[in-house]
N, C-alpha and C. Protein backbone atom coordinates (compact mmCIF):
# COMPACT_ATOMS: atom_id res chain seq x y z
N UNK A 1 0.69 -0.96 0.26
CA UNK A 1 -0.14 -0.20 0.11
C UNK A 1 0.57 1.42 0.15
N UNK A 2 0.89 2.24 -0.61
CA UNK A 2 1.12 3.61 -1.03
C UNK A 2 1.35 4.40 0.39
N UNK A 3 1.95 5.39 0.83
CA UNK A 3 1.69 5.94 1.50
C UNK A 3 0.21 6.87 1.18
N UNK A 4 0.06 7.02 0.58
CA UNK A 4 -1.17 7.67 0.50
C UNK A 4 -2.61 7.19 0.62
N UNK A 5 -2.08 5.65 0.15
CA UNK A 5 -3.33 4.72 0.62
C UNK A 5 -3.50 4.43 2.52
N UNK A 6 -2.29 4.41 3.10
CA UNK A 6 -2.61 4.68 4.26
C UNK A 6 -3.36 5.32 5.01
N UNK A 7 -2.85 7.27 4.41
CA UNK A 7 -3.88 8.13 4.80
C UNK A 7 -4.96 8.16 4.58
N UNK A 8 -5.29 8.09 3.19
CA UNK A 8 -6.73 7.29 2.78
C UNK A 8 -7.45 6.71 3.49
N UNK A 9 -7.02 5.11 3.89
CA UNK A 9 -7.33 4.62 4.54
C UNK A 9 -7.66 4.77 5.75
N UNK A 10 -7.22 5.71 6.31
CA UNK A 10 -7.66 6.09 8.09
C UNK A 10 -8.28 7.58 7.75
N UNK A 11 -8.11 8.46 7.07
CA UNK A 11 -8.76 9.75 7.06
C UNK A 11 -10.00 10.07 6.35
N UNK A 12 -10.40 9.51 5.18
CA UNK A 12 -11.50 9.47 3.73
C UNK A 12 -12.67 9.02 5.06
N UNK A 13 -12.75 7.73 5.71
CA UNK A 13 -14.21 7.50 6.32
C UNK A 13 -14.29 8.69 7.59
N UNK A 14 -13.60 9.19 8.30
CA UNK A 14 -13.83 10.29 9.12
C UNK A 14 -14.24 10.96 8.86
N UNK A 15 -13.60 11.76 7.61
CA UNK A 15 -13.82 13.28 7.15
C UNK A 15 -14.53 12.85 6.70
N UNK A 16 -15.55 12.10 5.85
CA UNK A 16 -16.50 12.11 4.74
C UNK A 16 -16.15 12.51 3.70
N UNK A 17 -15.31 12.21 2.83
CA UNK A 17 -14.93 13.10 1.83
C UNK A 17 -15.47 12.38 0.26
N UNK A 18 -15.59 12.98 -0.25
CA UNK A 18 -16.37 12.54 -1.19
C UNK A 18 -15.50 13.38 -2.88
N UNK A 19 -15.01 13.69 -2.75
CA UNK A 19 -14.32 14.84 -4.07
C UNK A 19 -13.10 15.01 -3.68
N UNK A 20 -12.07 14.76 -4.52
CA UNK A 20 -10.76 14.85 -4.23
C UNK A 20 -10.24 15.82 -5.91
N UNK A 21 -9.49 16.82 -5.52
CA UNK A 21 -8.66 17.46 -6.72
C UNK A 21 -7.15 16.84 -6.90
N UNK A 22 -6.85 16.63 -8.11
CA UNK A 22 -5.44 16.21 -7.68
C UNK A 22 -4.19 16.55 -9.09
N UNK A 23 -3.60 16.89 -8.68
CA UNK A 23 -2.70 17.90 -9.63
C UNK A 23 -1.21 16.66 -9.12
N UNK A 24 -0.16 16.80 -9.56
CA UNK A 24 1.44 16.62 -8.91
C UNK A 24 2.49 16.91 -10.20
N UNK A 25 3.62 15.68 -9.77
CA UNK A 25 4.19 15.77 -11.19
C UNK A 25 4.82 13.98 -10.42
N UNK A 26 5.18 13.57 -12.36
CA UNK A 26 5.39 12.81 -12.86
C UNK A 26 4.08 11.49 -12.97
N UNK A 27 2.85 12.04 -13.96
CA UNK A 27 1.56 11.56 -13.87
C UNK A 27 1.34 10.53 -14.16
N UNK A 28 2.69 9.38 -14.08
CA UNK A 28 2.94 8.34 -14.85
C UNK A 28 3.00 7.21 -13.62
N UNK A 29 3.49 8.10 -12.78
CA UNK A 29 3.76 7.15 -11.56
C UNK A 29 2.93 7.77 -9.79
N UNK A 30 3.66 8.62 -9.53
CA UNK A 30 3.05 9.01 -8.08
C UNK A 30 1.24 9.33 -8.49
N UNK A 31 1.20 10.34 -9.14
CA UNK A 31 -0.53 10.61 -9.71
C UNK A 31 -1.17 9.66 -10.12
N UNK A 32 -0.54 8.87 -10.98
CA UNK A 32 -1.65 7.33 -10.92
C UNK A 32 -1.84 6.95 -9.51
N UNK A 33 -0.80 6.33 -9.29
CA UNK A 33 -1.18 5.61 -8.17
C UNK A 33 -2.03 6.13 -7.13
N UNK A 34 -2.01 7.47 -6.85
CA UNK A 34 -2.95 7.97 -6.21
C UNK A 34 -4.71 8.51 -6.98
N UNK A 35 -4.43 8.36 -8.13
CA UNK A 35 -5.60 8.35 -8.57
C UNK A 35 -6.29 6.78 -8.50
N UNK A 36 -5.28 5.56 -8.63
CA UNK A 36 -6.10 4.10 -8.43
C UNK A 36 -7.02 4.31 -6.81
N UNK A 37 -5.85 4.62 -6.35
CA UNK A 37 -6.06 4.35 -4.64
C UNK A 37 -7.73 5.16 -4.06
N UNK A 38 -7.59 6.47 -4.84
CA UNK A 38 -8.87 7.41 -4.85
C UNK A 38 -10.60 6.48 -5.45
N UNK A 39 -10.21 5.85 -6.94
CA UNK A 39 -11.49 5.62 -7.60
C UNK A 39 -11.38 4.41 -6.57
N UNK A 40 -10.71 3.20 -6.23
CA UNK A 40 -10.56 1.69 -5.55
C UNK A 40 -11.52 2.45 -4.22
N UNK A 41 -11.44 3.26 -3.92
CA UNK A 41 -12.39 3.62 -2.39
C UNK A 41 -13.60 4.69 -2.78
N UNK A 42 -13.49 4.32 -4.46
CA UNK A 42 -15.05 5.28 -4.18
C UNK A 42 -15.09 7.04 -4.19
N UNK A 43 -13.83 7.89 -4.30
CA UNK A 43 -14.02 8.77 -4.44
C UNK A 43 -14.30 9.36 -5.51
N UNK A 44 -15.00 10.46 -5.61
CA UNK A 44 -15.10 11.26 -7.13
C UNK A 44 -13.46 11.62 -7.33
N UNK A 45 -13.24 11.60 -8.19
CA UNK A 45 -11.53 12.37 -8.35
C UNK A 45 -11.28 13.00 -9.83
N UNK A 46 -10.77 14.25 -9.47
CA UNK A 46 -10.78 15.14 -10.87
C UNK A 46 -9.04 14.99 -11.07
N UNK A 47 -9.02 14.78 -12.10
CA UNK A 47 -7.11 15.00 -12.40
C UNK A 47 -7.06 16.51 -13.10
N UNK A 48 -6.52 17.40 -12.76
CA UNK A 48 -6.30 19.11 -13.37
C UNK A 48 -5.14 18.65 -14.58
N UNK A 49 -5.90 18.37 -15.65
CA UNK A 49 -4.88 18.20 -16.93
C UNK A 49 -3.28 18.73 -16.75
N UNK A 50 -3.55 20.21 -16.53
CA UNK A 50 -2.67 21.20 -16.75
C UNK A 50 -1.58 21.70 -15.55
N UNK A 51 -2.30 20.25 -14.69
CA UNK A 51 -1.19 20.54 -13.22
C UNK A 51 -1.09 19.24 -13.03
N UNK A 52 -1.04 18.59 -14.23
CA UNK A 52 0.04 17.12 -14.25
C UNK A 52 1.11 17.22 -15.22
N UNK A 53 2.23 16.43 -14.77
CA UNK A 53 3.67 16.49 -15.19
C UNK A 53 4.26 15.36 -15.76
N UNK A 54 5.41 15.39 -16.33
CA UNK A 54 5.95 14.07 -16.48
C UNK A 54 7.26 14.52 -17.22
N UNK A 55 8.46 13.85 -17.27
CA UNK A 55 9.87 13.90 -18.13
C UNK A 55 9.58 14.24 -19.26
N UNK A 56 8.06 13.55 -20.31
CA UNK A 56 7.77 13.53 -21.69
C UNK A 56 6.59 13.89 -21.71
N UNK A 57 6.61 14.72 -22.67
CA UNK A 57 5.41 14.69 -22.94
C UNK A 57 4.00 13.54 -23.19
N UNK A 58 4.81 12.50 -24.36
CA UNK A 58 4.62 11.41 -24.55
C UNK A 58 3.78 10.40 -23.23
N UNK A 59 4.33 10.51 -22.20
CA UNK A 59 3.86 10.21 -20.84
C UNK A 59 2.96 10.54 -20.23
N UNK A 60 2.85 12.16 -20.62
CA UNK A 60 1.69 12.59 -19.90
C UNK A 60 0.58 12.58 -20.53
N UNK A 61 1.06 12.66 -21.64
CA UNK A 61 -0.17 12.12 -22.84
C UNK A 61 -1.13 10.89 -22.26
N UNK A 62 -0.32 9.88 -22.57
CA UNK A 62 -0.68 8.76 -22.52
C UNK A 62 -1.26 9.03 -21.19
N UNK A 63 -0.90 9.01 -20.40
CA UNK A 63 -1.72 8.65 -18.46
C UNK A 63 -2.71 9.77 -18.81
N UNK A 64 -3.00 10.67 -19.22
CA UNK A 64 -4.27 11.60 -19.19
C UNK A 64 -4.70 10.99 -19.70
N UNK A 65 -5.20 10.48 -20.66
CA UNK A 65 -5.74 9.30 -21.92
C UNK A 65 -6.15 8.51 -20.58
N UNK A 66 -5.49 7.40 -19.98
CA UNK A 66 -5.86 6.45 -18.51
C UNK A 66 -6.46 6.78 -18.23
N UNK A 67 -6.25 8.03 -17.29
CA UNK A 67 -7.03 9.01 -16.23
C UNK A 67 -8.71 8.62 -16.99
N UNK A 68 -8.84 8.91 -18.45
CA UNK A 68 -10.27 9.45 -18.71
C UNK A 68 -10.69 7.32 -18.66
N UNK A 69 -9.99 6.41 -19.16
CA UNK A 69 -10.49 5.53 -19.53
C UNK A 69 -10.51 4.95 -17.89
N UNK A 70 -10.30 4.90 -16.75
CA UNK A 70 -10.27 4.28 -15.73
C UNK A 70 -11.19 5.09 -15.09
N UNK A 71 -11.76 6.40 -15.76
CA UNK A 71 -13.08 6.91 -14.97
C UNK A 71 -12.92 7.87 -14.16
N UNK A 72 -11.83 8.85 -14.23
CA UNK A 72 -11.34 9.79 -13.27
C UNK A 72 -11.57 10.78 -14.15
N UNK A 73 -12.69 12.04 -13.77
CA UNK A 73 -12.76 13.29 -14.38
C UNK A 73 -11.48 13.95 -14.54
N UNK A 74 -11.22 14.64 -15.37
CA UNK A 74 -10.07 15.11 -16.05
C UNK A 74 -10.74 16.70 -16.63
N UNK A 75 -9.95 17.52 -15.91
CA UNK A 75 -10.36 19.15 -15.83
C UNK A 75 -9.36 20.10 -16.18
N UNK A 76 -9.67 20.91 -16.46
CA UNK A 76 -8.38 22.28 -16.20
C UNK A 76 -8.54 23.02 -15.28
N UNK A 77 -7.50 23.86 -14.92
CA UNK A 77 -7.39 24.92 -13.83
C UNK A 77 -8.05 25.55 -13.94
N UNK A 78 -8.89 25.82 -15.16
CA UNK A 78 -9.94 27.58 -14.89
C UNK A 78 -11.03 26.74 -14.63
N UNK A 79 -11.43 25.25 -14.86
CA UNK A 79 -12.86 24.92 -14.09
C UNK A 79 -12.78 24.66 -12.80
N UNK A 80 -11.85 24.55 -12.40
CA UNK A 80 -11.70 23.99 -10.42
C UNK A 80 -13.05 24.80 -9.73
N UNK A 81 -13.77 25.85 -10.15
CA UNK A 81 -14.05 26.88 -9.49
C UNK A 81 -15.80 26.07 -9.61
N UNK A 82 -16.00 24.80 -10.76
CA UNK A 82 -17.17 24.58 -10.65
C UNK A 82 -17.81 22.97 -9.68
N UNK A 83 -16.23 22.99 -9.47
CA UNK A 83 -16.32 20.94 -8.73
C UNK A 83 -16.58 21.34 -7.17
């Protein structure tokens, strides 16, 4: 279990979290692991497309597409006020 998994397993039930906005570096590693952990727990997960990076544009593009396939919602930073 990742560190985020441990934190989530302890805090989410207590806090009643239903929606999480995700941004970060290395979309194909850290961000992806976090998104999977959240979705596994039934949390609505919103990935900020212009807030996720990777070492290469190919990695970034592939994993943004992957987030859509696994049912994470992709948004842009200017859309955050509606979440």
